[in-house]
Protein backbone atom coordinates (compact mmCIF):
# COMPACT_ATOMS: atom_id res chain seq x y z
CA MET A 1 -0.03 0.00 -0.01
CA ARG A 2 1.24 3.42 -0.86
CA ILE A 3 1.19 5.85 2.09
CA SER A 4 -0.33 9.28 1.45
CA GLY A 5 1.91 12.36 1.49
CA ASN A 6 -0.05 13.75 4.40
CA SER A 7 0.66 10.68 6.50
CA ARG A 8 2.13 11.45 9.91
CA ARG A 9 3.68 9.23 12.55
CA ILE A 10 1.51 9.48 15.64
CA VAL A 11 2.07 7.99 19.12
CA VAL A 12 -1.18 6.58 20.46
CA ASP A 13 -1.37 6.01 24.19
CA THR A 14 -2.64 2.63 25.35
CA ASN A 15 -5.46 4.41 27.21
CA VAL A 16 -6.92 5.18 23.85
CA ALA A 17 -6.49 1.59 22.64
CA LYS A 18 -8.14 0.31 25.81
CA SER A 19 -11.08 2.78 25.60
CA ALA A 20 -11.79 2.33 21.88
CA SER A 21 -14.40 -0.35 21.87
CA ALA A 22 -17.67 -1.21 20.06
CA SER A 23 -19.71 -0.13 23.02
CA VAL A 24 -21.92 3.01 22.77
CA HIS A 25 -20.30 5.44 25.23
CA PRO A 26 -18.82 8.88 24.69
CA THR A 27 -15.27 7.78 25.59
CA SER A 28 -15.42 4.64 23.48
CA ASP A 29 -16.99 6.58 20.56
CA ALA A 30 -14.32 9.28 20.68
CA CYS A 31 -11.39 6.89 20.85
CA ARG A 32 -12.84 4.67 18.18
CA ALA A 33 -13.46 7.63 15.84
CA VAL A 34 -9.88 8.81 16.26
CA LEU A 35 -8.42 5.35 15.46
CA GLU A 36 -10.75 5.01 12.45
CA THR A 37 -9.74 8.42 11.22
CA MET A 38 -6.03 7.54 11.55
CA LEU A 39 -6.61 4.47 9.40
CA ALA A 40 -8.70 6.39 6.82
CA GLN A 41 -6.12 9.13 6.56
CA GLN A 42 -3.26 6.65 6.46
CA HIS A 43 -1.46 8.05 9.44
CA GLN A 44 1.08 5.65 10.99
CA VAL A 45 0.92 4.43 14.58
CA VAL A 46 4.29 4.68 16.35
CA LEU A 47 5.23 1.70 18.43
CA SER A 48 8.34 1.22 20.50
CA PRO A 49 8.94 -2.32 21.95
CA MET A 50 7.68 -1.08 25.38
CA GLN A 51 4.66 0.56 23.94
CA TYR A 52 3.82 -2.40 21.75
CA GLN A 53 3.82 -4.66 24.90
CA GLU A 54 1.54 -2.23 26.66
CA TRP A 55 -0.82 -2.29 23.65
CA LEU A 56 -0.94 -6.09 23.63
CA LYS A 57 -1.74 -6.15 27.34
CA HIS A 58 -4.40 -3.40 27.41
CA GLN A 59 -6.02 -3.17 23.97
CA SER A 60 -9.72 -3.69 23.44
CA GLY A 61 -11.10 -6.02 20.83
CA PHE A 62 -11.73 -3.14 18.50
CA ALA A 63 -8.13 -1.82 18.93
CA LYS A 64 -6.79 -5.32 18.35
CA THR A 65 -8.60 -5.44 15.01
CA TRP A 66 -7.58 -1.86 14.20
CA LEU A 67 -3.90 -2.54 14.95
CA ALA A 68 -4.00 -5.69 12.75
CA SER A 69 -5.34 -3.52 9.93
CA MET A 70 -2.61 -0.92 10.48
CA LEU A 71 0.06 -3.62 10.44
CA ARG A 72 -1.36 -5.30 7.38
CA LYS A 73 -1.41 -1.94 5.57
CA LYS A 74 2.12 -1.14 6.77
CA LEU A 75 0.81 1.98 8.60
CA TYR A 76 3.17 1.61 11.55
CA VAL A 77 6.65 2.62 12.68
CA VAL A 78 8.60 0.46 15.10
CA LEU A 79 11.20 2.33 17.04
CA ARG A 80 14.20 0.20 17.95
CA PRO A 81 15.90 0.78 20.24
CA GLU A 82 13.64 2.77 22.58
CA PRO A 83 14.30 6.50 21.93
CA ASP A 84 16.31 8.22 24.66
CA SER A 85 16.84 11.97 24.43
CA GLY A 86 17.89 12.18 28.08
CA ILE A 87 14.44 13.38 29.25
CA THR A 88 14.01 10.37 31.55
CA ALA A 89 17.27 11.16 33.34
CA ARG A 90 16.21 14.81 33.67
CA VAL A 91 12.82 13.76 35.19
CA HIS A 92 14.76 11.95 37.92
CA GLN A 93 16.67 15.18 38.65
CA LEU A 94 13.63 17.45 38.81
CA ALA A 95 12.65 19.28 41.98
CA CYS A 96 9.09 18.00 42.14
CA THR A 97 6.89 15.73 44.19
CA GLY A 98 7.29 12.02 44.09
CA LYS A 99 3.75 11.75 42.63
CA ALA A 100 4.64 14.14 39.81
CA ARG A 101 7.88 12.27 39.05
CA TYR A 102 5.98 8.96 38.95
CA GLU A 103 3.34 10.40 36.57
CA MET A 104 6.01 11.72 34.23
CA LEU A 105 8.12 8.59 34.29
CA LYS A 106 5.07 6.45 33.56
CA ASP A 107 4.42 8.32 30.25
CA VAL A 108 7.80 9.74 29.30
CA HIS A 109 8.03 7.08 26.61
CA LEU A 110 5.08 8.83 24.79
CA LEU A 111 7.03 12.03 24.76
CA GLU A 112 10.30 10.36 23.71
CA ASN A 113 8.53 8.41 20.90
CA ALA A 114 6.86 11.62 19.64
CA LEU A 115 10.14 13.51 19.62
CA ALA A 116 11.69 10.69 17.62
CA THR A 117 8.94 10.86 15.00
CA ASP A 118 6.39 13.62 13.99
CA HIS A 119 5.90 15.23 17.37
CA ALA A 120 2.32 14.09 17.91
CA VAL A 121 0.63 12.17 20.81
CA VAL A 122 -3.02 11.09 21.10
CA SER A 123 -3.71 10.46 24.80
CA GLN A 124 -6.36 10.86 27.36
CA GLU A 125 -3.70 11.82 29.93
CA THR A 126 -4.14 15.45 31.00
CA ASN A 127 -2.16 15.45 34.24
CA VAL A 128 1.05 14.41 32.63
CA LEU A 129 0.53 16.96 29.80
CA ALA A 130 0.35 19.68 32.44
CA LEU A 131 3.46 18.31 34.18
CA PHE A 132 5.49 18.12 30.96
CA THR A 133 4.32 21.57 30.03
CA THR A 134 5.19 23.05 33.44
CA HIS A 135 8.64 21.41 33.42
CA ALA A 136 9.46 21.87 29.69
CA GLN A 137 12.49 24.10 30.46
CA PRO A 138 14.30 21.93 33.05
CA LEU A 139 13.44 18.83 31.00
CA GLN A 140 14.99 20.57 27.95
CA ILE A 141 12.28 19.43 25.58
CA PRO A 142 13.83 20.24 22.17
CA ARG A 143 10.71 20.79 20.10
CA PRO A 144 6.97 21.42 20.67
CA VAL A 145 5.00 18.16 20.84
CA ALA A 146 1.27 18.12 20.06
CA TRP A 147 -0.71 16.33 22.77
CA ILE A 148 -4.37 15.88 21.87
CA ASN A 149 -7.07 14.30 23.98
CA PRO A 150 -9.68 12.56 21.81
CA VAL A 151 -12.26 12.45 24.65
CA ALA A 152 -11.98 16.14 25.55
CA ASP A 153 -12.92 17.18 21.98
CA LYS A 154 -13.54 14.36 19.57
CA ASN A 155 -14.49 16.63 16.68
CA ALA A 156 -11.38 18.79 16.96
CA CYS A 157 -9.16 15.68 17.16
CA VAL A 158 -10.73 14.10 14.09
CA ALA A 159 -10.53 17.37 12.21
CA TRP A 160 -6.82 17.77 13.20
CA LEU A 161 -6.14 14.23 11.91
CA GLU A 162 -7.97 15.00 8.64
CA ALA A 163 -6.13 18.27 8.17
CA GLY A 164 -2.69 16.60 8.35
CA VAL A 165 -1.69 16.73 12.01
CA VAL A 166 -0.23 20.20 12.14
CA VAL A 167 1.55 20.42 15.49
CA LYS A 168 0.94 24.13 16.00
CA LYS A 169 -2.81 23.76 15.57
CA VAL A 170 -3.38 21.99 18.88
CA ARG A 171 -2.26 22.17 22.50
CA CYS A 172 1.46 21.45 22.74
CA ILE A 173 4.17 20.64 25.28
CA PRO A 174 6.35 23.59 24.50
CA ALA A 175 10.02 23.45 23.60
CA GLY A 176 12.04 24.13 26.70
CA VAL A 177 15.39 24.99 25.30
């Protein structure tokens, strides 16, 4: 399959894969719509080995079928080895609460994977977005990273995917250098 010129490499958090199901519920509907739009627009899902294992452990039946379609159509990017821009080490050195550090360490791979690809994350996580935004300078985040929540605004997320995933058009973790 030939990938479209507008195709972008997007990191999709496992919380989206877990929530995207066939059930009729606003969260399920939003996550399912985003995954379906990614497939229709031929965007690529980014998977590091760690993230792929998380997906296998937490994905819904719908997400399992969706990921199989993405793999079959070669709409995926596997990052080997795990990206490491030094942000994880800097999180350990931050002057912050243990809870904040734990939250950032739990999802730092999403940020690292996005920085290694097209700077875009689809996630329901809002707390860690706020933490990465607050600590962008000491973490020395090299470039803005789009972080969009499909449940907070499904229509905006779908429109963003259809318009080509322009980083500056959505809420971003700012560059901190």
